[in-house]
Every structure is written in structure tokens, then in C-alpha cells.
N, C-alpha and C. Protein backbone atom coordinates (compact mmCIF):
# COMPACT_ATOMS: atom_id res chain seq x y z
N MET A 1 85.65 59.59 71.84
CA MET A 1 86.79 58.52 71.48
C MET A 1 86.30 57.39 70.23
N ASP A 2 85.30 57.12 70.65
CA ASP A 2 85.08 56.49 69.49
C ASP A 2 84.85 57.11 67.78
N MET A 3 84.22 58.22 67.81
CA MET A 3 84.36 59.33 66.24
C MET A 3 85.86 59.32 65.95
N ILE A 4 86.78 59.61 66.88
CA ILE A 4 87.99 60.14 66.61
C ILE A 4 88.40 58.40 66.21
N SER A 5 88.30 57.43 66.77
CA SER A 5 88.74 55.97 66.47
C SER A 5 88.39 55.75 65.20
N SER A 6 86.94 55.90 64.81
CA SER A 6 86.65 55.68 63.31
C SER A 6 86.79 56.59 62.23
N THR A 7 87.47 57.45 62.70
CA THR A 7 87.72 58.60 61.60
C THR A 7 89.38 58.44 61.49
N PHE A 8 89.94 57.83 62.29
CA PHE A 8 91.42 57.52 61.98
C PHE A 8 91.24 56.11 60.87
N ARG A 9 90.44 54.86 61.65
CA ARG A 9 90.11 53.73 61.00
C ARG A 9 89.70 53.73 59.66
N GLN A 10 89.19 55.17 59.46
CA GLN A 10 88.69 55.33 57.48
C GLN A 10 89.86 56.00 57.25
N LEU A 11 90.74 56.64 57.72
CA LEU A 11 91.89 57.50 56.93
C LEU A 11 92.66 56.25 56.82
N GLN A 12 93.03 55.26 57.77
CA GLN A 12 93.89 54.12 57.75
C GLN A 12 93.64 53.36 56.56
N SER A 13 91.88 53.06 56.10
CA SER A 13 91.66 52.21 54.59
C SER A 13 91.93 53.12 53.70
N LEU A 14 91.66 54.30 53.54
CA LEU A 14 91.73 55.33 52.66
C LEU A 14 93.16 54.97 52.39
N PHE A 15 94.34 55.50 53.29
CA PHE A 15 95.59 55.18 52.48
C PHE A 15 96.14 54.16 52.15
N SER A 16 95.57 53.10 52.44
CA SER A 16 95.50 51.66 51.96
C SER A 16 94.99 51.27 50.66
N ASN A 17 94.27 52.05 50.47
CA ASN A 17 93.15 51.18 49.06
C ASN A 17 94.47 51.48 48.21
N PRO A 18 93.93 50.35 47.37
CA PRO A 18 95.31 50.54 46.21
C PRO A 18 95.01 51.46 44.96
N VAL A 19 93.50 51.40 45.07
CA VAL A 19 93.21 52.56 43.65
C VAL A 19 93.73 53.89 44.03
N PHE A 20 93.57 54.40 45.42
CA PHE A 20 94.11 55.51 46.08
C PHE A 20 95.48 55.52 45.78
N LEU A 21 95.88 54.75 46.62
CA LEU A 21 97.62 54.43 46.26
C LEU A 21 98.00 54.48 44.57
N ALA A 22 97.60 53.87 43.60
CA ALA A 22 98.05 53.88 42.43
C ALA A 22 97.89 55.55 42.05
N CYS A 23 96.51 56.21 42.23
CA CYS A 23 96.79 57.74 41.83
C CYS A 23 97.26 58.44 42.29
N ILE A 24 97.77 58.48 43.35
CA ILE A 24 99.13 59.27 44.01
C ILE A 24 100.20 59.05 43.58
N PHE A 25 100.70 57.73 43.08
CA PHE A 25 101.48 57.26 42.92
C PHE A 25 101.84 58.37 41.09
N SER A 26 100.81 57.79 40.63
CA SER A 26 101.08 58.26 38.95
C SER A 26 100.82 60.09 38.86
N TRP A 27 100.32 60.34 40.46
CA TRP A 27 100.33 61.88 40.02
C TRP A 27 101.86 62.48 40.09
N PHE A 28 102.22 62.08 41.38
CA PHE A 28 103.23 62.42 42.05
C PHE A 28 104.67 62.21 41.06
N SER A 29 104.62 60.84 40.56
CA SER A 29 105.45 60.67 39.61
C SER A 29 105.49 61.38 38.19
N ALA A 30 104.36 61.47 37.81
CA ALA A 30 104.05 62.31 36.73
C ALA A 30 104.82 63.67 36.82
N GLN A 31 104.67 64.40 37.68
CA GLN A 31 104.81 65.89 38.32
C GLN A 31 106.31 65.54 38.59
N PHE A 32 107.24 64.40 39.31
CA PHE A 32 108.57 64.29 39.33
C PHE A 32 108.98 64.43 37.93
N ILE A 33 108.77 63.47 37.30
CA ILE A 33 109.55 63.55 35.78
C ILE A 33 109.37 64.92 34.71
N LYS A 34 108.06 65.48 34.81
CA LYS A 34 107.81 66.98 34.80
C LYS A 34 109.18 67.92 34.99
N THR A 35 109.27 67.83 36.53
CA THR A 35 110.42 68.55 37.20
C THR A 35 111.87 68.52 36.86
N VAL A 36 111.74 67.20 36.22
CA VAL A 36 113.39 66.64 35.91
C VAL A 36 113.63 67.24 34.58
N ILE A 37 112.86 66.73 33.75
CA ILE A 37 112.40 67.32 32.24
C ILE A 37 113.22 68.68 32.38
N LYS A 38 112.08 69.89 33.27
CA LYS A 38 112.22 70.94 33.49
C LYS A 38 113.48 71.36 33.98
N LEU A 39 113.88 70.65 34.85
CA LEU A 39 115.41 70.83 35.29
C LEU A 39 116.57 70.50 34.20
N LEU A 40 116.63 69.53 33.42
CA LEU A 40 117.41 69.30 32.60
C LEU A 40 117.69 70.31 31.52
N GLY A 41 116.47 70.88 30.91
CA GLY A 41 116.64 71.85 29.98
C GLY A 41 116.72 72.95 30.53
N GLY A 42 117.05 73.44 31.89
CA GLY A 42 117.56 74.55 32.59
C GLY A 42 116.59 75.41 32.75
N ASN A 43 115.47 74.81 32.74
CA ASN A 43 114.30 76.04 32.50
C ASN A 43 113.75 75.82 33.97
N VAL A 44 114.37 75.96 35.44
CA VAL A 44 114.11 76.08 36.50
C VAL A 44 115.05 77.04 37.59
N SER A 45 114.48 78.31 37.60
CA SER A 45 115.53 79.53 38.16
C SER A 45 115.55 79.72 39.58
N SER A 46 114.22 79.00 40.36
CA SER A 46 114.85 78.74 41.63
C SER A 46 114.08 77.92 42.66
N VAL A 47 114.57 77.79 43.79
CA VAL A 47 114.15 76.95 44.68
C VAL A 47 112.28 76.57 44.75
N LYS A 48 111.89 77.91 44.65
CA LYS A 48 110.41 78.10 44.64
C LYS A 48 109.94 77.64 43.35
N GLU A 49 110.22 77.79 42.47
CA GLU A 49 109.65 77.21 41.05
C GLU A 49 109.94 75.83 41.22
N LEU A 50 111.21 75.25 41.65
CA LEU A 50 111.28 73.94 41.51
C LEU A 50 110.00 73.17 42.54
N LEU A 51 109.78 73.74 43.53
CA LEU A 51 108.75 73.14 44.40
C LEU A 51 107.16 73.33 43.95
N GLU A 52 107.04 74.55 43.42
CA GLU A 52 105.76 74.46 42.54
C GLU A 52 106.08 73.46 41.54
N LEU A 53 106.83 73.32 40.76
CA LEU A 53 107.06 72.41 39.58
C LEU A 53 106.67 70.89 40.34
N LEU A 54 107.30 70.54 41.16
CA LEU A 54 107.44 69.16 41.79
C LEU A 54 105.74 69.02 42.53
N LEU A 55 105.36 70.17 43.21
CA LEU A 55 103.80 69.65 43.74
C LEU A 55 102.70 70.52 43.07
N TRP A 56 103.03 71.29 42.16
CA TRP A 56 101.32 71.95 41.68
C TRP A 56 101.24 72.57 40.19
N ARG A 57 102.33 72.94 39.58
CA ARG A 57 102.22 73.54 38.38
C ARG A 57 101.55 72.65 37.37
N THR A 58 101.01 73.21 36.37
CA THR A 58 100.22 72.24 35.47
C THR A 58 100.92 72.47 34.32
N GLY A 59 100.62 72.09 32.93
CA GLY A 59 101.34 71.97 31.96
C GLY A 59 102.31 71.29 31.62
N GLY A 60 103.11 70.90 30.45
CA GLY A 60 104.30 70.49 30.56
C GLY A 60 104.29 68.66 30.30
N MET A 61 105.25 68.12 30.09
CA MET A 61 105.51 66.48 29.64
C MET A 61 105.87 66.10 31.00
N PRO A 62 105.36 65.18 31.22
CA PRO A 62 103.33 64.29 31.08
C PRO A 62 102.44 64.84 31.87
N SER A 63 101.61 64.85 31.04
CA SER A 63 100.13 65.43 31.74
C SER A 63 99.98 64.92 32.98
N SER A 64 100.15 65.15 34.49
CA SER A 64 99.90 64.41 35.32
C SER A 64 98.54 64.36 35.74
N HIS A 65 97.30 65.56 35.16
CA HIS A 65 96.11 64.89 35.36
C HIS A 65 95.83 64.04 34.45
N SER A 66 95.95 63.87 33.16
CA SER A 66 96.16 62.57 32.26
C SER A 66 96.33 61.43 33.20
N SER A 67 97.53 61.47 33.32
CA SER A 67 97.89 60.15 34.10
C SER A 67 97.02 59.37 35.31
N LEU A 68 97.07 60.47 36.08
CA LEU A 68 95.86 60.06 37.17
C LEU A 68 94.86 59.52 37.05
N VAL A 69 94.13 60.27 35.99
CA VAL A 69 92.87 60.00 35.85
C VAL A 69 92.61 58.53 34.49
N CYS A 70 93.69 58.66 34.31
CA CYS A 70 93.90 56.84 33.17
C CYS A 70 94.47 55.86 34.11
N THR A 71 95.04 56.46 35.43
CA THR A 71 95.16 55.36 36.35
C THR A 71 93.93 55.08 37.31
N LEU A 72 93.24 55.84 37.39
CA LEU A 72 91.95 55.39 38.35
C LEU A 72 91.35 54.67 37.54
N SER A 73 90.92 55.20 35.84
CA SER A 73 89.95 54.31 35.12
C SER A 73 90.65 53.09 34.56
N THR A 74 92.01 52.40 34.78
CA THR A 74 92.73 51.53 34.76
C THR A 74 92.42 50.69 35.92
N THR A 75 92.94 50.81 37.09
CA THR A 75 92.61 50.24 38.30
C THR A 75 91.07 50.25 38.66
N ILE A 76 89.89 50.63 38.42
CA ILE A 76 88.65 50.28 38.51
C ILE A 76 88.37 49.69 37.78
N GLY A 77 88.61 49.67 36.64
CA GLY A 77 88.64 48.43 35.64
C GLY A 77 89.27 47.13 35.70
N PHE A 78 90.12 47.19 36.04
CA PHE A 78 90.61 45.97 37.11
C PHE A 78 90.27 45.16 37.99
N ARG A 79 89.60 46.26 38.82
CA ARG A 79 89.00 45.91 39.79
C ARG A 79 87.58 45.21 40.11
N SER A 80 86.95 46.14 39.78
CA SER A 80 85.16 46.31 39.42
C SER A 80 84.98 45.90 38.20
N GLY A 81 86.05 45.34 36.91
CA GLY A 81 85.19 44.89 35.64
C GLY A 81 85.17 46.59 34.73
N ILE A 82 85.14 46.28 33.70
CA ILE A 82 84.98 47.54 32.66
C ILE A 82 83.28 47.27 32.46
N ASN A 83 82.41 46.32 32.78
CA ASN A 83 81.44 46.54 32.91
C ASN A 83 80.39 46.87 33.76
N SER A 84 81.27 47.85 34.76
CA SER A 84 80.81 48.00 36.16
C SER A 84 80.50 49.97 36.00
N ASP A 85 79.47 50.35 36.55
CA ASP A 85 78.93 51.46 36.38
C ASP A 85 80.01 52.33 36.62
N ILE A 86 80.66 52.06 37.94
CA ILE A 86 82.08 52.90 38.62
C ILE A 86 82.70 53.15 37.31
N PHE A 87 83.45 51.97 36.59
CA PHE A 87 84.04 52.07 35.95
C PHE A 87 83.72 52.86 34.63
N ILE A 88 82.68 52.74 34.31
CA ILE A 88 81.84 53.60 33.03
C ILE A 88 82.28 55.14 33.55
N LEU A 89 81.95 55.55 34.70
CA LEU A 89 82.05 56.97 35.48
C LEU A 89 83.64 57.26 35.30
N ALA A 90 84.38 56.45 35.49
CA ALA A 90 86.02 56.77 35.65
C ALA A 90 86.45 57.05 33.99
N LEU A 91 86.02 56.15 33.49
CA LEU A 91 86.45 56.63 32.15
C LEU A 91 85.74 57.64 31.39
N CYS A 92 84.41 58.04 31.98
CA CYS A 92 83.97 59.41 30.95
C CYS A 92 84.85 60.58 31.90
N PHE A 93 84.96 60.82 32.98
CA PHE A 93 85.53 61.74 33.88
C PHE A 93 87.08 61.98 33.15
N ALA A 94 87.73 60.69 33.17
CA ALA A 94 88.51 60.83 32.26
C ALA A 94 88.55 61.55 30.78
N LEU A 95 88.01 61.23 30.08
CA LEU A 95 87.64 61.58 28.60
C LEU A 95 87.56 62.90 29.16
N VAL A 96 86.59 63.56 29.71
CA VAL A 96 86.56 65.12 29.94
C VAL A 96 87.87 65.46 30.65
N THR A 97 88.46 64.96 31.46
CA THR A 97 89.71 65.78 31.85
C THR A 97 90.72 66.07 30.88
N ILE A 98 90.51 64.96 29.88
CA ILE A 98 91.77 64.57 28.73
C ILE A 98 91.52 65.76 28.08
N ARG A 99 90.42 65.69 27.49
CA ARG A 99 89.86 66.98 26.37
C ARG A 99 90.19 68.37 26.99
N ASP A 100 89.85 68.34 28.21
CA ASP A 100 89.69 69.46 28.64
C ASP A 100 91.27 70.10 28.79
N ALA A 101 92.24 69.12 29.24
CA ALA A 101 93.74 69.75 28.95
C ALA A 101 94.56 69.70 27.78
N VAL A 102 93.89 69.24 26.65
CA VAL A 102 94.01 69.42 25.25
C VAL A 102 93.27 70.43 24.60
N GLY A 103 92.12 70.27 24.74
CA GLY A 103 91.49 71.62 24.14
C GLY A 103 91.48 72.99 24.71
N VAL A 104 90.58 73.20 25.68
CA VAL A 104 89.88 74.20 26.67
C VAL A 104 91.26 74.94 26.94
N ARG A 105 91.72 74.42 28.16
CA ARG A 105 92.88 74.77 28.66
C ARG A 105 93.91 75.73 27.78
N ARG A 106 94.43 74.61 26.88
CA ARG A 106 95.16 75.12 25.95
C ARG A 106 95.01 76.47 25.20
N ALA A 107 93.33 76.11 24.76
CA ALA A 107 93.47 77.47 24.06
C ALA A 107 93.08 78.40 24.91
N SER A 108 92.43 78.18 25.98
CA SER A 108 92.53 79.91 27.17
C SER A 108 93.72 80.39 27.00
N GLY A 109 94.97 79.01 27.54
CA GLY A 109 96.38 79.65 27.77
C GLY A 109 96.61 80.49 26.29
N ILE A 110 96.51 80.19 25.55
CA ILE A 110 96.83 80.95 24.22
C ILE A 110 96.23 82.23 24.47
N GLN A 111 94.96 82.29 24.28
CA GLN A 111 94.15 83.07 24.14
C GLN A 111 94.66 84.39 25.70
N ALA A 112 95.13 83.96 26.21
CA ALA A 112 95.33 85.19 27.72
C ALA A 112 97.20 85.34 27.10
N ARG A 113 97.62 84.66 26.59
CA ARG A 113 99.10 85.19 25.87
C ARG A 113 98.88 86.02 25.17
N VAL A 114 98.23 86.15 24.21
CA VAL A 114 97.92 86.94 23.27
C VAL A 114 97.12 88.57 24.05
N LEU A 115 96.29 88.43 24.65
CA LEU A 115 95.99 89.25 25.71
C LEU A 115 96.77 89.92 26.18
N ASN A 116 97.79 89.49 27.09
CA ASN A 116 98.54 89.94 27.63
C ASN A 116 99.81 90.76 26.59
N GLU A 117 99.57 89.86 25.43
CA GLU A 117 100.45 91.13 24.50
C GLU A 117 100.43 92.03 24.01
N ILE A 118 98.45 92.34 24.10
CA ILE A 118 97.91 93.33 23.51
C ILE A 118 98.07 94.41 24.29
N GLY A 119 97.50 94.11 25.86
CA GLY A 119 97.86 94.88 26.76
C GLY A 119 99.12 95.46 27.14
N ARG A 120 100.25 94.59 27.14
CA ARG A 120 101.33 95.68 27.27
C ARG A 120 101.69 96.57 26.30
N SER A 121 101.41 96.25 24.95
CA SER A 121 101.59 97.08 24.10
C SER A 121 100.79 98.32 24.11
N LEU A 122 99.98 98.27 24.94
CA LEU A 122 98.88 99.61 25.13
C LEU A 122 99.44 100.32 26.20
N GLU A 123 99.53 99.33 27.02
CA GLU A 123 100.44 100.40 28.15
C GLU A 123 101.74 100.66 27.36
N ASP A 124 102.71 100.31 26.91
CA ASP A 124 103.55 101.13 26.15
C ASP A 124 103.61 102.08 25.83
N LYS A 125 102.27 102.30 25.06
CA LYS A 125 102.18 103.39 24.34
C LYS A 125 101.26 104.63 25.24
N ASP A 126 101.18 103.95 26.39
CA ASP A 126 100.12 104.88 27.66
C ASP A 126 99.07 105.28 27.01
N ILE A 127 98.82 104.28 26.56
CA ILE A 127 96.82 104.20 25.91
C ILE A 127 95.62 103.87 27.41
N LEU A 128 96.74 102.50 28.39
CA LEU A 128 95.91 102.36 29.37
C LEU A 128 96.74 101.46 30.29
N LYS A 129 96.59 101.50 31.41
CA LYS A 129 97.24 101.20 32.65
C LYS A 129 96.67 99.55 32.23
N PHE A 130 97.75 98.81 32.39
CA PHE A 130 97.32 97.20 32.30
C PHE A 130 97.72 96.02 33.43
N LYS A 131 97.02 95.16 33.67
CA LYS A 131 97.52 94.40 34.85
C LYS A 131 97.10 92.98 34.01
N PRO A 132 98.77 92.47 33.92
CA PRO A 132 98.36 91.29 32.87
C PRO A 132 97.51 89.86 33.99
N ILE A 133 96.72 89.17 33.05
CA ILE A 133 95.91 87.82 33.39
C ILE A 133 96.69 86.62 33.45
N LYS A 134 96.43 85.73 34.39
CA LYS A 134 97.01 84.69 34.44
C LYS A 134 96.91 84.14 33.39
N GLU A 135 98.27 83.55 32.76
CA GLU A 135 98.36 82.57 31.71
C GLU A 135 98.33 81.20 32.00
N ILE A 136 96.93 80.36 31.97
CA ILE A 136 97.13 78.78 32.43
C ILE A 136 97.43 78.23 31.47
N GLN A 137 98.63 77.33 31.46
CA GLN A 137 99.48 76.46 30.13
C GLN A 137 98.42 74.97 30.50
N GLY A 138 98.03 74.82 29.16
CA GLY A 138 97.34 73.80 29.11
C GLY A 138 98.21 72.86 28.55
N HIS A 139 98.05 71.43 27.67
CA HIS A 139 98.94 70.71 27.27
C HIS A 139 98.98 70.30 25.93
N LYS A 140 100.00 70.07 25.45
CA LYS A 140 100.09 69.67 23.74
C LYS A 140 99.55 68.15 23.46
N PRO A 141 99.12 67.74 22.25
CA PRO A 141 98.57 66.46 22.38
C PRO A 141 99.52 65.53 23.00
N ALA A 142 100.96 65.15 22.40
CA ALA A 142 101.91 64.56 22.45
C ALA A 142 102.24 64.54 24.35
N GLU A 143 101.81 65.94 25.20
CA GLU A 143 102.05 65.34 26.76
C GLU A 143 101.05 64.67 27.24
N VAL A 144 99.77 65.03 26.59
CA VAL A 144 98.53 64.32 27.18
C VAL A 144 98.98 62.78 26.57
N PHE A 145 99.23 62.44 25.50
CA PHE A 145 99.47 61.34 25.19
C PHE A 145 100.23 60.10 26.45
N VAL A 146 101.20 60.90 26.64
CA VAL A 146 102.29 60.17 27.64
C VAL A 146 101.78 60.02 28.95
N GLY A 147 101.27 61.45 28.96
CA GLY A 147 100.81 61.14 30.42
C GLY A 147 99.88 59.87 30.72
N CYS A 148 98.82 60.04 29.58
CA CYS A 148 97.75 58.75 29.15
C CYS A 148 98.28 57.56 29.63
N PHE A 149 99.41 57.07 28.86
CA PHE A 149 100.60 55.90 28.69
C PHE A 149 100.78 55.97 30.00
N TRP A 150 101.70 56.55 30.74
CA TRP A 150 102.13 56.58 31.79
C TRP A 150 101.00 56.39 33.00
N GLY A 151 100.05 56.80 33.11
CA GLY A 151 98.50 56.29 33.63
C GLY A 151 98.34 54.95 33.45
N ILE A 152 98.25 54.78 32.36
CA ILE A 152 97.69 53.18 32.47
C ILE A 152 98.57 52.37 32.74
N ALA A 153 100.00 52.53 32.45
CA ALA A 153 100.98 51.82 32.98
C ALA A 153 101.09 51.57 34.42
N ILE A 154 101.08 53.02 35.09
CA ILE A 154 100.99 52.80 36.56
C ILE A 154 99.75 51.86 36.95
N GLY A 155 98.54 52.36 36.23
CA GLY A 155 97.02 51.24 36.69
C GLY A 155 97.41 49.92 36.69
N ILE A 156 98.17 49.71 35.72
CA ILE A 156 98.34 48.21 35.41
C ILE A 156 98.80 47.55 36.71
N ALA A 157 100.43 48.12 36.65
CA ALA A 157 101.46 47.78 37.71
C ALA A 157 100.69 47.73 38.80
N PHE A 158 99.96 48.34 39.48
CA PHE A 158 99.45 48.75 40.61
C PHE A 158 98.39 47.40 40.61
N SER A 159 97.66 46.89 39.67
CA SER A 159 96.85 46.20 39.94
C SER A 159 97.36 44.62 39.60
N VAL A 160 98.31 44.08 38.56
CA VAL A 160 98.64 43.24 38.63
C VAL A 160 99.98 42.83 39.64
N LEU A 161 100.47 43.77 39.96
CA LEU A 161 101.30 43.26 40.87
C LEU A 161 101.10 43.00 42.52
């Protein structure tokens, strides 16, 4: 029974941790903003797609990954100081995540789209049977910038208020 009680206390502590709460709020709010933008643009065709956008889908404005890691860095900077090892770790983690969002994942998505176009073209000419590969959507620099700005603002708000 002590183990269950201890686990419950640890979970309770996690869900009351201001850094954790700020990060979760940052991620969910960025996903919500992204979903509203898609809805207003008429780019949502089903309830399933709406839920995917709200909870999971990557790409789009703003970058929820960039928002989350910037919130993490900002709140840790406020709580532990910008000279702390944990802040440096969070900052490096944020930089790698941001670089990946705007560089590697975007390039991979563009490459996958071109490969799918080539594959469909070859299949249409009966040259080969083609199964499309997943096109992972990365971010445009503006989407990452807005995500970073949003994340820093959320981090400051949770740290100061």
C-alpha cells in the first residue's frame, strides 16, 4: 500500500510542478491555435482530422514543438537561473529541436513528397507497383519563430504570474 501511496504523491507532485504545467499548456495551446487556423482556412474535412490536429499532428502554424521547448527553457531559466547546468541542457535541447523542426524534418517531408510523385507517375505508366511513403510535414521558419515566441511568452507568464 505504501508503494501506491508514494506513486500517487509523486504523480500529484508532477501535475502541480509549474515547469510541467507551463510546458503542457504551451503545447496544447499551440496545437489549439494550429487547429483553429486550419478550421478557419477550411482545411479540416472530418472530426477525425480535427482530433488529430488538436492532439497529435505536426507541422503548421505555430510549431508546438518549438513552443514546448522554449517554454521549458524559459521556465527553467527563471527557476534555476541561466547559469545553471539544467538551463544549459534545456537550451541545447531546444536548439536541437528547433533546428530539426525547420531543417531536417522539413527537408525529409519535401523529399518524401517528390518520391511519392515519382512513384505515382511510375505506377500510372505500369512500370512498378507503388506504395506511398509517409510525408512528415516540417515547419516553415515563420511557424517555428511564432512557436518560439509563444513558448517564451507562456514560460514568462507561468514564471512571473
